[in-house]
Amino acid sequence: MKARYTRASELNEFAYCRRAWYLRHVRGYTSANQTELAEGENAHRQHGRRLHLALWAWRLGLLLMLAGLLLWWW
């Protein structure tokens, strides 16, 4: 028998609304607002990319500031 892993999002869905979890995972029903869900996923993906880029820009700024301080001190 193949092991079935439970994702954290599935546990969250069950905790939030057991009936919605049952309808989706046991009965196989899908949400009627698939377009909105896809748009939300895209928005979250884009937001994650922007955060990742901002983090790298912050790190680069820190590195450049440190290099400038070292050059000034030298």
PDB file of N, CA and C in Angstrom:
ATOM      1  N   MET A   1       0.843  -1.185   0.000  1.00  0.00           N
ATOM      2  CA  MET A   1       0.000   0.000   0.000  1.00  0.00           C
ATOM      3  C   MET A   1       0.885   1.244   0.000  1.00  0.00           C
ATOM      4  N   LYS A   2       0.607   2.146  -0.903  1.00  0.00           N
ATOM      5  CA  LYS A   2       1.397   3.366  -1.033  1.00  0.00           C
ATOM      6  C   LYS A   2       1.029   4.352   0.080  1.00  0.00           C
ATOM      7  N   ALA A   3       2.062   4.947   0.696  1.00  0.00           N
ATOM      8  CA  ALA A   3       1.831   5.921   1.772  1.00  0.00           C
ATOM      9  C   ALA A   3       1.248   7.203   1.194  1.00  0.00           C
ATOM     10  N   ARG A   4       0.273   7.764   1.891  1.00  0.00           N
ATOM     11  CA  ARG A   4      -0.341   9.025   1.480  1.00  0.00           C
ATOM     12  C   ARG A   4       0.081  10.087   2.482  1.00  0.00           C
ATOM     13  N   TYR A   5       0.746  11.108   1.982  1.00  0.00           N
ATOM     14  CA  TYR A   5       1.200  12.195   2.839  1.00  0.00           C
ATOM     15  C   TYR A   5       0.128  13.271   2.916  1.00  0.00           C
ATOM     16  N   THR A   6      -0.015  13.847   4.093  1.00  0.00           N
ATOM     17  CA  THR A   6      -0.966  14.932   4.298  1.00  0.00           C
ATOM     18  C   THR A   6      -0.191  16.236   4.350  1.00  0.00           C
ATOM     19  N   ARG A   7      -0.553  17.162   3.475  1.00  0.00           N
ATOM     20  CA  ARG A   7       0.117  18.464   3.435  1.00  0.00           C
ATOM     21  C   ARG A   7      -0.438  19.364   4.542  1.00  0.00           C
ATOM     22  N   ALA A   8       0.365  20.340   4.914  1.00  0.00           N
ATOM     23  CA  ALA A   8      -0.055  21.285   5.952  1.00  0.00           C
ATOM     24  C   ALA A   8      -1.276  22.076   5.498  1.00  0.00           C
ATOM     25  N   SER A   9      -1.348  22.409   4.213  1.00  0.00           N
ATOM     26  CA  SER A   9      -2.500  23.161   3.715  1.00  0.00           C
ATOM     27  C   SER A   9      -3.781  22.337   3.824  1.00  0.00           C
ATOM     28  N   GLU A  10      -3.656  21.018   3.675  1.00  0.00           N
ATOM     29  CA  GLU A  10      -4.834  20.162   3.819  1.00  0.00           C
ATOM     30  C   GLU A  10      -5.296  20.121   5.274  1.00  0.00           C
ATOM     31  N   LEU A  11      -4.351  20.068   6.206  1.00  0.00           N
ATOM     32  CA  LEU A  11      -4.711  20.119   7.624  1.00  0.00           C
ATOM     33  C   LEU A  11      -5.379  21.445   7.970  1.00  0.00           C
ATOM     34  N   ASN A  12      -4.857  22.524   7.401  1.00  0.00           N
ATOM     35  CA  ASN A  12      -5.451  23.839   7.626  1.00  0.00           C
ATOM     36  C   ASN A  12      -6.869  23.891   7.073  1.00  0.00           C
ATOM     37  N   GLU A  13      -7.063  23.326   5.895  1.00  0.00           N
ATOM     38  CA  GLU A  13      -8.393  23.300   5.287  1.00  0.00           C
ATOM     39  C   GLU A  13      -9.360  22.508   6.162  1.00  0.00           C
ATOM     40  N   PHE A  14      -8.901  21.382   6.704  1.00  0.00           N
ATOM     41  CA  PHE A  14      -9.738  20.567   7.573  1.00  0.00           C
ATOM     42  C   PHE A  14     -10.092  21.322   8.851  1.00  0.00           C
ATOM     43  N   ALA A  15      -9.105  22.006   9.434  1.00  0.00           N
ATOM     44  CA  ALA A  15      -9.347  22.758  10.667  1.00  0.00           C
ATOM     45  C   ALA A  15     -10.300  23.924  10.427  1.00  0.00           C
ATOM     46  N   TYR A  16     -10.204  24.549   9.247  1.00  0.00           N
ATOM     47  CA  TYR A  16     -11.047  25.707   8.942  1.00  0.00           C
ATOM     48  C   TYR A  16     -12.493  25.284   8.684  1.00  0.00           C
ATOM     49  N   CYS A  17     -12.686  24.251   7.859  1.00  0.00           N
ATOM     50  CA  CYS A  17     -14.047  23.812   7.527  1.00  0.00           C
ATOM     51  C   CYS A  17     -14.010  22.335   7.149  1.00  0.00           C
ATOM     52  N   ARG A  18     -14.446  21.499   8.065  1.00  0.00           N
ATOM     53  CA  ARG A  18     -14.408  20.057   7.842  1.00  0.00           C
ATOM     54  C   ARG A  18     -15.277  19.636   6.671  1.00  0.00           C
ATOM     55  N   ARG A  19     -16.397  20.306   6.511  1.00  0.00           N
ATOM     56  CA  ARG A  19     -17.292  19.935   5.410  1.00  0.00           C
ATOM     57  C   ARG A  19     -16.642  20.231   4.056  1.00  0.00           C
ATOM     58  N   ALA A  20     -15.983  21.386   3.933  1.00  0.00           N
ATOM     59  CA  ALA A  20     -15.297  21.719   2.686  1.00  0.00           C
ATOM     60  C   ALA A  20     -14.184  20.709   2.407  1.00  0.00           C
ATOM     61  N   TRP A  21     -13.472  20.304   3.459  1.00  0.00           N
ATOM     62  CA  TRP A  21     -12.427  19.300   3.289  1.00  0.00           C
ATOM     63  C   TRP A  21     -13.029  17.986   2.799  1.00  0.00           C
ATOM     64  N   TYR A  22     -14.129  17.576   3.424  1.00  0.00           N
ATOM     65  CA  TYR A  22     -14.800  16.331   3.040  1.00  0.00           C
ATOM     66  C   TYR A  22     -15.261  16.383   1.586  1.00  0.00           C
ATOM     67  N   LEU A  23     -15.904  17.474   1.203  1.00  0.00           N
ATOM     68  CA  LEU A  23     -16.404  17.588  -0.167  1.00  0.00           C
ATOM     69  C   LEU A  23     -15.264  17.548  -1.181  1.00  0.00           C
ATOM     70  N   ARG A  24     -14.153  18.152  -0.837  1.00  0.00           N
ATOM     71  CA  ARG A  24     -13.035  18.205  -1.788  1.00  0.00           C
ATOM     72  C   ARG A  24     -12.244  16.900  -1.839  1.00  0.00           C
ATOM     73  N   HIS A  25     -11.867  16.379  -0.673  1.00  0.00           N
ATOM     74  CA  HIS A  25     -10.935  15.255  -0.635  1.00  0.00           C
ATOM     75  C   HIS A  25     -11.613  13.890  -0.635  1.00  0.00           C
ATOM     76  N   VAL A  26     -12.839  13.793  -0.176  1.00  0.00           N
ATOM     77  CA  VAL A  26     -13.526  12.505  -0.150  1.00  0.00           C
ATOM     78  C   VAL A  26     -14.479  12.380  -1.329  1.00  0.00           C
ATOM     79  N   ARG A  27     -15.279  13.412  -1.544  1.00  0.00           N
ATOM     80  CA  ARG A  27     -16.269  13.357  -2.622  1.00  0.00           C
ATOM     81  C   ARG A  27     -15.716  13.817  -3.970  1.00  0.00           C
ATOM     82  N   GLY A  28     -14.593  14.539  -3.971  1.00  0.00           N
ATOM     83  CA  GLY A  28     -13.957  14.952  -5.217  1.00  0.00           C
ATOM     84  C   GLY A  28     -14.545  16.190  -5.868  1.00  0.00           C
ATOM     85  N   TYR A  29     -15.329  16.955  -5.125  1.00  0.00           N
ATOM     86  CA  TYR A  29     -15.897  18.184  -5.680  1.00  0.00           C
ATOM     87  C   TYR A  29     -14.815  19.253  -5.784  1.00  0.00           C
ATOM     88  N   THR A  30     -14.945  20.109  -6.781  1.00  0.00           N
ATOM     89  CA  THR A  30     -14.019  21.230  -6.926  1.00  0.00           C
ATOM     90  C   THR A  30     -14.770  22.534  -6.709  1.00  0.00           C
ATOM     91  N   SER A  31     -14.021  23.560  -6.403  1.00  0.00           N
ATOM     92  CA  SER A  31     -14.604  24.869  -6.162  1.00  0.00           C
ATOM     93  C   SER A  31     -15.145  25.457  -7.463  1.00  0.00           C
ATOM     94  N   ALA A  32     -16.196  26.228  -7.350  1.00  0.00           N
ATOM     95  CA  ALA A  32     -16.811  26.840  -8.534  1.00  0.00           C
ATOM     96  C   ALA A  32     -16.020  28.048  -9.026  1.00  0.00           C
ATOM     97  N   ASN A  33     -15.191  28.618  -8.184  1.00  0.00           N
ATOM     98  CA  ASN A  33     -14.462  29.839  -8.557  1.00  0.00           C
ATOM     99  C   ASN A  33     -13.009  29.531  -8.905  1.00  0.00           C
ATOM    100  N   GLN A  34     -12.796  28.657  -9.863  1.00  0.00           N
ATOM    101  CA  GLN A  34     -11.449  28.254 -10.266  1.00  0.00           C
ATOM    102  C   GLN A  34     -10.645  29.422 -10.843  1.00  0.00           C
ATOM    103  N   THR A  35     -11.317  30.316 -11.558  1.00  0.00           N
ATOM    104  CA  THR A  35     -10.619  31.467 -12.138  1.00  0.00           C
ATOM    105  C   THR A  35     -10.038  32.352 -11.042  1.00  0.00           C
ATOM    106  N   GLU A  36     -10.836  32.644 -10.032  1.00  0.00           N
ATOM    107  CA  GLU A  36     -10.372  33.480  -8.930  1.00  0.00           C
ATOM    108  C   GLU A  36      -9.238  32.804  -8.161  1.00  0.00           C
ATOM    109  N   LEU A  37      -9.351  31.487  -7.978  1.00  0.00           N
ATOM    110  CA  LEU A  37      -8.290  30.759  -7.286  1.00  0.00           C
ATOM    111  C   LEU A  37      -6.982  30.817  -8.076  1.00  0.00           C
ATOM    112  N   ALA A  38      -7.063  30.656  -9.383  1.00  0.00           N
ATOM    113  CA  ALA A  38      -5.862  30.730 -10.226  1.00  0.00           C
ATOM    114  C   ALA A  38      -5.258  32.126 -10.183  1.00  0.00           C
ATOM    115  N   GLU A  39      -6.102  33.157 -10.205  1.00  0.00           N
ATOM    116  CA  GLU A  39      -5.604  34.531 -10.112  1.00  0.00           C
ATOM    117  C   GLU A  39      -4.921  34.769  -8.767  1.00  0.00           C
ATOM    118  N   GLY A  40      -5.495  34.222  -7.707  1.00  0.00           N
ATOM    119  CA  GLY A  40      -4.886  34.351  -6.381  1.00  0.00           C
ATOM    120  C   GLY A  40      -3.539  33.656  -6.298  1.00  0.00           C
ATOM    121  N   GLU A  41      -3.448  32.467  -6.897  1.00  0.00           N
ATOM    122  CA  GLU A  41      -2.170  31.751  -6.915  1.00  0.00           C
ATOM    123  C   GLU A  41      -1.116  32.552  -7.675  1.00  0.00           C
ATOM    124  N   ASN A  42      -1.504  33.125  -8.804  1.00  0.00           N
ATOM    125  CA  ASN A  42      -0.566  33.944  -9.581  1.00  0.00           C
ATOM    126  C   ASN A  42      -0.124  35.175  -8.800  1.00  0.00           C
ATOM    127  N   ALA A  43      -1.069  35.813  -8.118  1.00  0.00           N
ATOM    128  CA  ALA A  43      -0.734  37.000  -7.329  1.00  0.00           C
ATOM    129  C   ALA A  43       0.251  36.640  -6.218  1.00  0.00           C
ATOM    130  N   HIS A  44       0.023  35.512  -5.544  1.00  0.00           N
ATOM    131  CA  HIS A  44       0.932  35.090  -4.483  1.00  0.00           C
ATOM    132  C   HIS A  44       2.304  34.723  -5.045  1.00  0.00           C
ATOM    133  N   ARG A  45       2.343  34.099  -6.194  1.00  0.00           N
ATOM    134  CA  ARG A  45       3.614  33.738  -6.826  1.00  0.00           C
ATOM    135  C   ARG A  45       4.405  35.002  -7.175  1.00  0.00           C
ATOM    136  N   GLN A  46       3.735  35.993  -7.765  1.00  0.00           N
ATOM    137  CA  GLN A  46       4.404  37.250  -8.120  1.00  0.00           C
ATOM    138  C   GLN A  46       4.897  37.977  -6.873  1.00  0.00           C
ATOM    139  N   HIS A  47       4.084  37.975  -5.833  1.00  0.00           N
ATOM    140  CA  HIS A  47       4.477  38.623  -4.585  1.00  0.00           C
ATOM    141  C   HIS A  47       5.727  37.944  -4.006  1.00  0.00           C
ATOM    142  N   GLY A  48       5.760  36.626  -4.048  1.00  0.00           N
ATOM    143  CA  GLY A  48       6.928  35.889  -3.567  1.00  0.00           C
ATOM    144  C   GLY A  48       8.178  36.231  -4.352  1.00  0.00           C
ATOM    145  N   ARG A  49       8.030  36.372  -5.655  1.00  0.00           N
ATOM    146  CA  ARG A  49       9.183  36.750  -6.491  1.00  0.00           C
ATOM    147  C   ARG A  49       9.682  38.141  -6.136  1.00  0.00           C
ATOM    148  N   ARG A  50       8.748  39.068  -5.919  1.00  0.00           N
ATOM    149  CA  ARG A  50       9.157  40.430  -5.549  1.00  0.00           C
ATOM    150  C   ARG A  50       9.867  40.439  -4.195  1.00  0.00           C
ATOM    151  N   LEU A  51       9.377  39.644  -3.252  1.00  0.00           N
ATOM    152  CA  LEU A  51      10.038  39.567  -1.949  1.00  0.00           C
ATOM    153  C   LEU A  51      11.437  38.981  -2.077  1.00  0.00           C
ATOM    154  N   HIS A  52      11.572  37.962  -2.898  1.00  0.00           N
ATOM    155  CA  HIS A  52      12.877  37.341  -3.118  1.00  0.00           C
ATOM    156  C   HIS A  52      13.847  38.354  -3.735  1.00  0.00           C
ATOM    157  N   LEU A  53      13.378  39.096  -4.717  1.00  0.00           N
ATOM    158  CA  LEU A  53      14.208  40.119  -5.358  1.00  0.00           C
ATOM    159  C   LEU A  53      14.585  41.219  -4.366  1.00  0.00           C
ATOM    160  N   ALA A  54      13.643  41.640  -3.538  1.00  0.00           N
ATOM    161  CA  ALA A  54      13.919  42.679  -2.544  1.00  0.00           C
ATOM    162  C   ALA A  54      14.960  42.202  -1.536  1.00  0.00           C
ATOM    163  N   LEU A  55      14.898  40.943  -1.158  1.00  0.00           N
ATOM    164  CA  LEU A  55      15.875  40.401  -0.218  1.00  0.00           C
ATOM    165  C   LEU A  55      17.274  40.412  -0.820  1.00  0.00           C
ATOM    166  N   TRP A  56      17.388  40.004  -2.076  1.00  0.00           N
ATOM    167  CA  TRP A  56      18.697  40.024  -2.731  1.00  0.00           C
ATOM    168  C   TRP A  56      19.201  41.449  -2.923  1.00  0.00           C
ATOM    169  N   ALA A  57      18.317  42.389  -3.232  1.00  0.00           N
ATOM    170  CA  ALA A  57      18.720  43.791  -3.376  1.00  0.00           C
ATOM    171  C   ALA A  57      19.211  44.338  -2.037  1.00  0.00           C
ATOM    172  N   TRP A  58      18.546  43.958  -0.950  1.00  0.00           N
ATOM    173  CA  TRP A  58      18.955  44.392   0.381  1.00  0.00           C
ATOM    174  C   TRP A  58      20.339  43.843   0.715  1.00  0.00           C
ATOM    175  N   ARG A  59      20.556  42.567   0.412  1.00  0.00           N
ATOM    176  CA  ARG A  59      21.862  41.953   0.670  1.00  0.00           C
ATOM    177  C   ARG A  59      22.959  42.617  -0.156  1.00  0.00           C
ATOM    178  N   LEU A  60      22.661  42.900  -1.412  1.00  0.00           N
ATOM    179  CA  LEU A  60      23.634  43.574  -2.271  1.00  0.00           C
ATOM    180  C   LEU A  60      23.950  44.961  -1.725  1.00  0.00           C
ATOM    181  N   GLY A  61      22.936  45.691  -1.279  1.00  0.00           N
ATOM    182  CA  GLY A  61      23.145  47.009  -0.694  1.00  0.00           C
ATOM    183  C   GLY A  61      24.021  46.947   0.539  1.00  0.00           C
ATOM    184  N   LEU A  62      23.798  45.947   1.378  1.00  0.00           N
ATOM    185  CA  LEU A  62      24.623  45.765   2.569  1.00  0.00           C
ATOM    186  C   LEU A  62      26.072  45.479   2.188  1.00  0.00           C
ATOM    187  N   LEU A  63      26.251  44.618   1.204  1.00  0.00           N
ATOM    188  CA  LEU A  63      27.595  44.281   0.744  1.00  0.00           C
ATOM    189  C   LEU A  63      28.307  45.503   0.174  1.00  0.00           C
ATOM    190  N   LEU A  64      27.607  46.290  -0.635  1.00  0.00           N
ATOM    191  CA  LEU A  64      28.208  47.494  -1.210  1.00  0.00           C
ATOM    192  C   LEU A  64      28.530  48.526  -0.136  1.00  0.00           C
ATOM    193  N   MET A  65      27.670  48.644   0.857  1.00  0.00           N
ATOM    194  CA  MET A  65      27.925  49.581   1.945  1.00  0.00           C
ATOM    195  C   MET A  65      29.155  49.143   2.742  1.00  0.00           C
ATOM    196  N   LEU A  66      29.275  47.855   2.987  1.00  0.00           N
ATOM    197  CA  LEU A  66      30.440  47.337   3.694  1.00  0.00           C
ATOM    198  C   LEU A  66      31.709  47.566   2.878  1.00  0.00           C
ATOM    199  N   ALA A  67      31.634  47.327   1.573  1.00  0.00           N
ATOM    200  CA  ALA A  67      32.793  47.564   0.704  1.00  0.00           C
ATOM    201  C   ALA A  67      33.169  49.042   0.713  1.00  0.00           C
ATOM    202  N   GLY A  68      32.192  49.930   0.681  1.00  0.00           N
ATOM    203  CA  GLY A  68      32.466  51.367   0.734  1.00  0.00           C
ATOM    204  C   GLY A  68      33.115  51.771   2.041  1.00  0.00           C
ATOM    205  N   LEU A  69      32.639  51.218   3.148  1.00  0.00           N
ATOM    206  CA  LEU A  69      33.246  51.523   4.447  1.00  0.00           C
ATOM    207  C   LEU A  69      34.678  51.021   4.528  1.00  0.00           C
ATOM    208  N   LEU A  70      34.916  49.834   3.985  1.00  0.00           N
ATOM    209  CA  LEU A  70      36.286  49.304   3.983  1.00  0.00           C
ATOM    210  C   LEU A  70      37.211  50.155   3.125  1.00  0.00           C
ATOM    211  N   LEU A  71      36.737  50.597   1.973  1.00  0.00           N
ATOM    212  CA  LEU A  71      37.548  51.469   1.115  1.00  0.00           C
ATOM    213  C   LEU A  71      37.805  52.816   1.784  1.00  0.00           C
ATOM    214  N   TRP A  72      36.816  53.347   2.439  1.00  0.00           N
ATOM    215  CA  TRP A  72      36.962  54.631   3.136  1.00  0.00           C
ATOM    216  C   TRP A  72      37.972  54.501   4.277  1.00  0.00           C
ATOM    217  N   TRP A  73      37.890  53.398   5.016  1.00  0.00           N
ATOM    218  CA  TRP A  73      38.787  53.170   6.135  1.00  0.00           C
ATOM    219  C   TRP A  73      40.211  52.924   5.662  1.00  0.00           C
ATOM    220  N   TRP A  74      40.373  52.258   4.527  1.00  0.00           N
ATOM    221  CA  TRP A  74      41.684  51.901   3.996  1.00  0.00           C
ATOM    222  C   TRP A  74      42.360  53.114   3.456  1.00  0.00           C
TER     223      TRP A  74
END
